């Protein structure tokens, strides 16, 4: 059959990224305790396309991802999977990203009752010019309590849920667990949030936030300081957004840095 994608294109436009997005597939994620968690992931995979080709071959992306999934390597060997995709599509560069919800059994602070807590996470691999880069991402819900509100009010202070998003990059010979990164982020908030709280737990988290007021600037700076201290990390970005309870807008802060 005629291969339309391989036809010559004369518009002189090299496409930087072309591929597929929002492909649903199971992903094997290794937990810190050495067990595996199977999650439902959405994949985005793309490659560069030279100007002389009319189009890429979309089915080949799915072929390779399916092959890797059947080998139980998907989520472990992102680099190998991406190298296979680049080779199969005769590309010079490529990217592969998985977004998924990762569950951790989290105990309430006082009653110690356990319930699964979901965190939005991502694995991302990039190859360009033969160089491989891995990026680990987490989005962690937390509580923040406004220092200004506490200071000026005779009683009470407004607080809100916030989302702290962190992306880190490190050498493939190193390892940082999702559990450890999430714990680091939570420690920089006014108080973590939980799936299950009894009355004693609710009293604890309310008072903990009251004793630990933070602006988004405070949260961001605390996360940045801890990431700077981790010498495994080559590069990171931090984003904090507090969904204000008394304003019709969010408070937001962002930072990107390289450790090397």
Protein backbone atom coordinates (compact mmCIF):
# COMPACT_ATOMS: atom_id res chain seq x y z
CA UNK A 1 0.00 0.00 0.00
CA UNK A 2 1.12 3.55 -0.67
CA UNK A 3 2.90 5.18 2.30
CA UNK A 4 1.61 8.76 2.33
CA UNK A 5 3.71 9.74 5.38
CA UNK A 6 6.93 9.05 3.50
CA UNK A 7 6.06 11.37 0.65
CA UNK A 8 8.25 14.42 0.10
CA UNK A 9 7.12 17.75 1.60
CA UNK A 10 8.34 21.00 -0.01
CA UNK A 11 7.34 23.58 2.64
CA UNK A 12 10.80 23.58 4.29
CA UNK A 13 9.49 23.24 7.85
CA UNK A 14 11.26 20.95 10.34
CA UNK A 15 8.69 19.98 13.00
CA UNK A 16 10.17 19.98 16.50
CA UNK A 17 7.62 17.63 18.10
CA UNK A 18 4.98 15.39 16.56
CA UNK A 19 3.35 12.32 18.04
CA UNK A 20 0.42 11.12 20.13
CA UNK A 21 -1.10 12.38 23.36
CA UNK A 22 -3.47 11.04 26.02
CA UNK A 23 -2.92 7.36 25.25
CA UNK A 24 -4.33 5.35 28.18
CA UNK A 25 -2.29 2.37 29.29
CA UNK A 26 -1.26 0.52 32.47
CA UNK A 27 2.04 1.59 33.99
CA UNK A 28 4.16 -0.36 36.47
CA UNK A 29 5.60 1.90 39.18
CA UNK A 30 8.12 0.55 41.66
CA UNK A 31 7.36 1.57 45.23
CA UNK A 32 9.97 2.45 47.86
CA UNK A 33 9.20 -0.79 49.71
CA UNK A 34 10.25 -2.75 46.57
CA UNK A 35 6.70 -3.77 45.65
CA UNK A 36 5.00 -2.63 42.42
CA UNK A 37 1.90 -0.50 41.94
CA UNK A 38 -0.04 -0.74 38.68
CA UNK A 39 -1.50 2.64 37.75
CA UNK A 40 -3.57 3.94 34.86
CA UNK A 41 -1.39 6.40 32.98
CA UNK A 42 -1.84 8.83 30.12
CA UNK A 43 1.12 8.83 27.76
CA UNK A 44 2.42 11.54 25.47
CA UNK A 45 5.18 10.54 23.08
CA UNK A 46 6.69 12.58 20.27
CA UNK A 47 9.71 12.83 17.99
CA UNK A 48 11.25 15.40 15.69
CA UNK A 49 10.23 15.27 12.03
CA UNK A 50 12.60 16.43 9.25
CA UNK A 51 11.21 18.90 6.73
CA UNK A 52 11.46 16.42 3.85
CA UNK A 53 8.88 14.01 5.39
CA UNK A 54 5.16 14.69 5.06
CA UNK A 55 4.22 12.97 8.32
CA UNK A 56 5.25 10.59 11.06
CA UNK A 57 3.89 7.07 11.58
CA UNK A 58 1.49 7.33 14.54
CA UNK A 59 0.92 3.58 14.86
CA UNK A 60 4.61 2.95 15.53
CA UNK A 61 4.43 4.89 18.80
CA UNK A 62 1.70 2.58 20.05
CA UNK A 63 3.56 -0.50 18.80
CA UNK A 64 6.65 0.29 20.85
CA UNK A 65 4.71 1.32 23.98
CA UNK A 66 2.70 -1.91 23.81
CA UNK A 67 5.87 -3.95 23.35
CA UNK A 68 7.49 -2.34 26.40
CA UNK A 69 4.34 -2.74 28.48
CA UNK A 70 4.18 -6.44 27.67
CA UNK A 71 7.81 -6.80 28.77
CA UNK A 72 6.86 -5.29 32.16
CA UNK A 73 9.54 -2.66 31.60
CA UNK A 74 7.28 0.33 31.06
CA UNK A 75 7.90 2.83 33.84
CA UNK A 76 11.27 1.28 34.62
CA UNK A 77 13.23 1.68 31.41
CA UNK A 78 11.88 4.89 29.92
CA UNK A 79 15.22 5.57 28.27
CA UNK A 80 15.25 2.22 26.45
CA UNK A 81 11.66 2.65 25.30
CA UNK A 82 12.39 6.14 24.00
CA UNK A 83 15.54 5.00 22.20
CA UNK A 84 13.49 2.31 20.44
CA UNK A 85 10.86 4.87 19.38
CA UNK A 86 13.48 7.27 18.00
CA UNK A 87 15.16 4.46 16.07
CA UNK A 88 11.89 3.09 14.71
CA UNK A 89 10.85 6.53 13.44
CA UNK A 90 14.30 7.60 12.18
CA UNK A 91 14.19 10.71 14.38
CA UNK A 92 16.96 12.77 15.99
CA UNK A 93 15.14 13.58 19.22
CA UNK A 94 12.12 12.44 21.19
CA UNK A 95 10.13 12.76 24.39
CA UNK A 96 8.04 10.33 26.43
CA UNK A 97 5.85 11.39 29.35
CA UNK A 98 3.49 9.48 31.62
CA UNK A 99 0.96 11.18 33.90
CA UNK A 100 -0.70 9.08 36.58
CA UNK A 101 -2.20 9.03 40.07
CA UNK A 102 0.06 7.36 42.63
CA UNK A 103 -1.46 6.07 45.87
CA UNK A 104 0.20 6.04 49.28
CA UNK A 105 -1.42 4.56 52.39
CA UNK A 106 -1.44 7.55 54.72
CA UNK A 107 -2.21 7.44 58.44
CA UNK A 108 -4.15 10.18 60.19
CA UNK A 109 -1.92 12.16 62.58
CA UNK A 110 -3.57 11.19 65.90
CA UNK A 111 -5.85 8.17 65.49
CA UNK A 112 -3.41 6.55 63.01
CA UNK A 113 -6.22 5.36 60.76
CA UNK A 114 -4.97 4.49 57.29
CA UNK A 115 -6.55 5.40 53.96
CA UNK A 116 -5.12 5.70 50.42
CA UNK A 117 -4.04 9.22 49.41
CA UNK A 118 -3.69 9.96 45.70
CA UNK A 119 -0.98 12.22 44.24
CA UNK A 120 -0.74 13.34 40.63
CA UNK A 121 2.72 12.32 39.38
CA UNK A 122 4.69 12.12 36.15
CA UNK A 123 7.70 10.38 34.63
CA UNK A 124 9.29 12.10 31.66
CA UNK A 125 12.24 11.18 29.46
CA UNK A 126 13.88 13.30 26.77
CA UNK A 127 16.61 12.44 24.27
CA UNK A 128 18.16 15.19 22.18
CA UNK A 129 21.54 15.01 20.49
CA UNK A 130 22.14 11.64 22.12
CA UNK A 131 21.77 13.11 25.63
CA UNK A 132 19.14 11.60 27.95
CA UNK A 133 17.30 13.57 30.62
CA UNK A 134 14.82 12.19 33.15
CA UNK A 135 12.28 14.37 34.97
CA UNK A 136 10.23 13.26 37.98
CA UNK A 137 7.13 15.31 38.81
CA UNK A 138 4.68 15.45 41.72
CA UNK A 139 1.66 17.62 42.58
CA UNK A 140 1.03 17.62 46.33
CA UNK A 141 -2.11 19.07 47.99
CA UNK A 142 -1.43 20.83 51.30
CA UNK A 143 -2.92 23.39 53.69
CA UNK A 144 -1.62 26.94 54.08
CA UNK A 145 -2.70 29.47 56.72
CA UNK A 146 -2.23 33.18 56.05
CA UNK A 147 0.31 34.86 58.40
CA UNK A 148 -1.17 38.30 57.71
CA UNK A 149 -4.70 37.18 58.55
CA UNK A 150 -3.49 35.62 61.80
CA UNK A 151 -1.53 38.73 62.76
CA UNK A 152 -4.29 41.32 62.22
CA UNK A 153 -7.30 39.34 63.44
CA UNK A 154 -8.43 39.19 67.06
CA UNK A 155 -9.42 35.58 66.50
CA UNK A 156 -9.21 33.16 63.60
CA UNK A 157 -7.27 33.26 60.34
CA UNK A 158 -8.18 32.22 56.82
CA UNK A 159 -6.60 29.09 55.44
CA UNK A 160 -6.94 27.21 52.19
CA UNK A 161 -5.85 24.20 50.24
CA UNK A 162 -2.80 24.71 48.07
CA UNK A 163 -1.09 22.63 45.40
CA UNK A 164 2.69 22.39 45.34
CA UNK A 165 4.08 21.11 42.03
CA UNK A 166 7.70 19.99 41.86
CA UNK A 167 9.74 18.67 38.94
CA UNK A 168 13.26 17.39 39.47
CA UNK A 169 15.94 16.03 37.14
CA UNK A 170 18.81 13.77 38.16
CA UNK A 171 21.26 11.31 36.61
CA UNK A 172 19.86 7.94 35.57
CA UNK A 173 22.35 6.21 37.89
CA UNK A 174 20.65 7.83 40.90
CA UNK A 175 17.25 7.19 42.52
CA UNK A 176 14.73 9.45 44.26
CA UNK A 177 11.50 7.80 45.40
CA UNK A 178 8.10 9.38 44.91
CA UNK A 179 7.37 8.79 48.60
CA UNK A 180 10.44 10.79 49.68
CA UNK A 181 9.76 13.70 47.33
CA UNK A 182 6.13 13.91 48.44
CA UNK A 183 7.14 13.84 52.11
CA UNK A 184 9.68 16.62 51.50
CA UNK A 185 7.02 18.80 49.88
CA UNK A 186 4.44 18.19 52.60
CA UNK A 187 6.92 19.16 55.31
CA UNK A 188 7.14 22.67 53.83
CA UNK A 189 3.43 23.47 54.16
CA UNK A 190 1.41 24.78 57.07
CA UNK A 191 0.02 21.27 57.39
CA UNK A 192 -0.44 18.21 55.15
CA UNK A 193 -3.90 17.12 54.06
CA UNK A 194 -5.31 13.65 54.64
CA UNK A 195 -7.95 11.35 53.16
CA UNK A 196 -9.35 10.25 56.54
CA UNK A 197 -9.65 12.44 59.65
CA UNK A 198 -11.53 11.79 62.88
CA UNK A 199 -12.31 14.59 65.33
CA UNK A 200 -9.02 14.25 67.20
CA UNK A 201 -7.16 14.40 63.89
CA UNK A 202 -9.11 17.46 62.74
CA UNK A 203 -8.20 19.26 65.97
CA UNK A 204 -4.55 18.41 65.36
CA UNK A 205 -4.37 19.63 61.76
CA UNK A 206 -6.30 22.82 62.56
CA UNK A 207 -3.92 23.71 65.39
CA UNK A 208 -0.83 22.66 63.45
CA UNK A 209 -1.73 25.03 60.60
CA UNK A 210 -2.45 27.81 63.14
CA UNK A 211 0.99 27.35 64.68
CA UNK A 212 2.68 27.26 61.27
CA UNK A 213 1.31 30.11 59.09
CA UNK A 214 2.84 30.46 55.62
CA UNK A 215 2.47 32.58 52.51
CA UNK A 216 3.00 30.87 49.15
CA UNK A 217 6.39 32.65 49.16
CA UNK A 218 7.29 30.91 52.43
CA UNK A 219 6.24 27.51 51.12
CA UNK A 220 8.16 27.95 47.88
CA UNK A 221 11.34 29.13 49.62
CA UNK A 222 11.26 26.21 52.07
CA UNK A 223 10.91 23.70 49.22
CA UNK A 224 13.70 25.40 47.24
CA UNK A 225 16.09 25.28 50.21
CA UNK A 226 15.52 21.54 50.69
CA UNK A 227 15.94 20.78 46.99
CA UNK A 228 19.15 22.79 46.90
CA UNK A 229 20.50 20.61 49.72
CA UNK A 230 19.96 17.41 47.74
CA UNK A 231 23.14 17.00 45.68
CA UNK A 232 21.59 14.23 43.56
CA UNK A 233 19.26 16.76 41.92
CA UNK A 234 20.69 18.52 38.85
CA UNK A 235 17.75 20.80 38.09
CA UNK A 236 14.35 21.58 39.58
CA UNK A 237 11.28 23.76 39.37
CA UNK A 238 8.73 24.52 42.06
CA UNK A 239 5.25 25.99 41.69
CA UNK A 240 2.90 26.78 44.57
CA UNK A 241 -0.72 27.87 44.11
CA UNK A 242 -3.00 28.62 47.07
CA UNK A 243 -6.71 28.64 46.25
CA UNK A 244 -7.62 31.59 48.44
CA UNK A 245 -10.71 31.19 50.64
CA UNK A 246 -11.46 34.94 50.96
CA UNK A 247 -10.27 36.21 47.56
CA UNK A 248 -11.59 35.58 44.08
CA UNK A 249 -8.12 34.58 42.87
CA UNK A 250 -5.22 32.31 43.73
CA UNK A 251 -1.89 33.25 45.24
CA UNK A 252 0.96 31.83 43.12
CA UNK A 253 4.76 31.52 43.15
CA UNK A 254 7.29 29.80 40.87
CA UNK A 255 11.03 29.06 40.87
CA UNK A 256 13.40 27.23 38.49
CA UNK A 257 17.02 26.47 39.37
CA UNK A 258 19.95 24.26 38.45
CA UNK A 259 22.07 22.66 41.17
CA UNK A 260 25.07 22.21 38.85
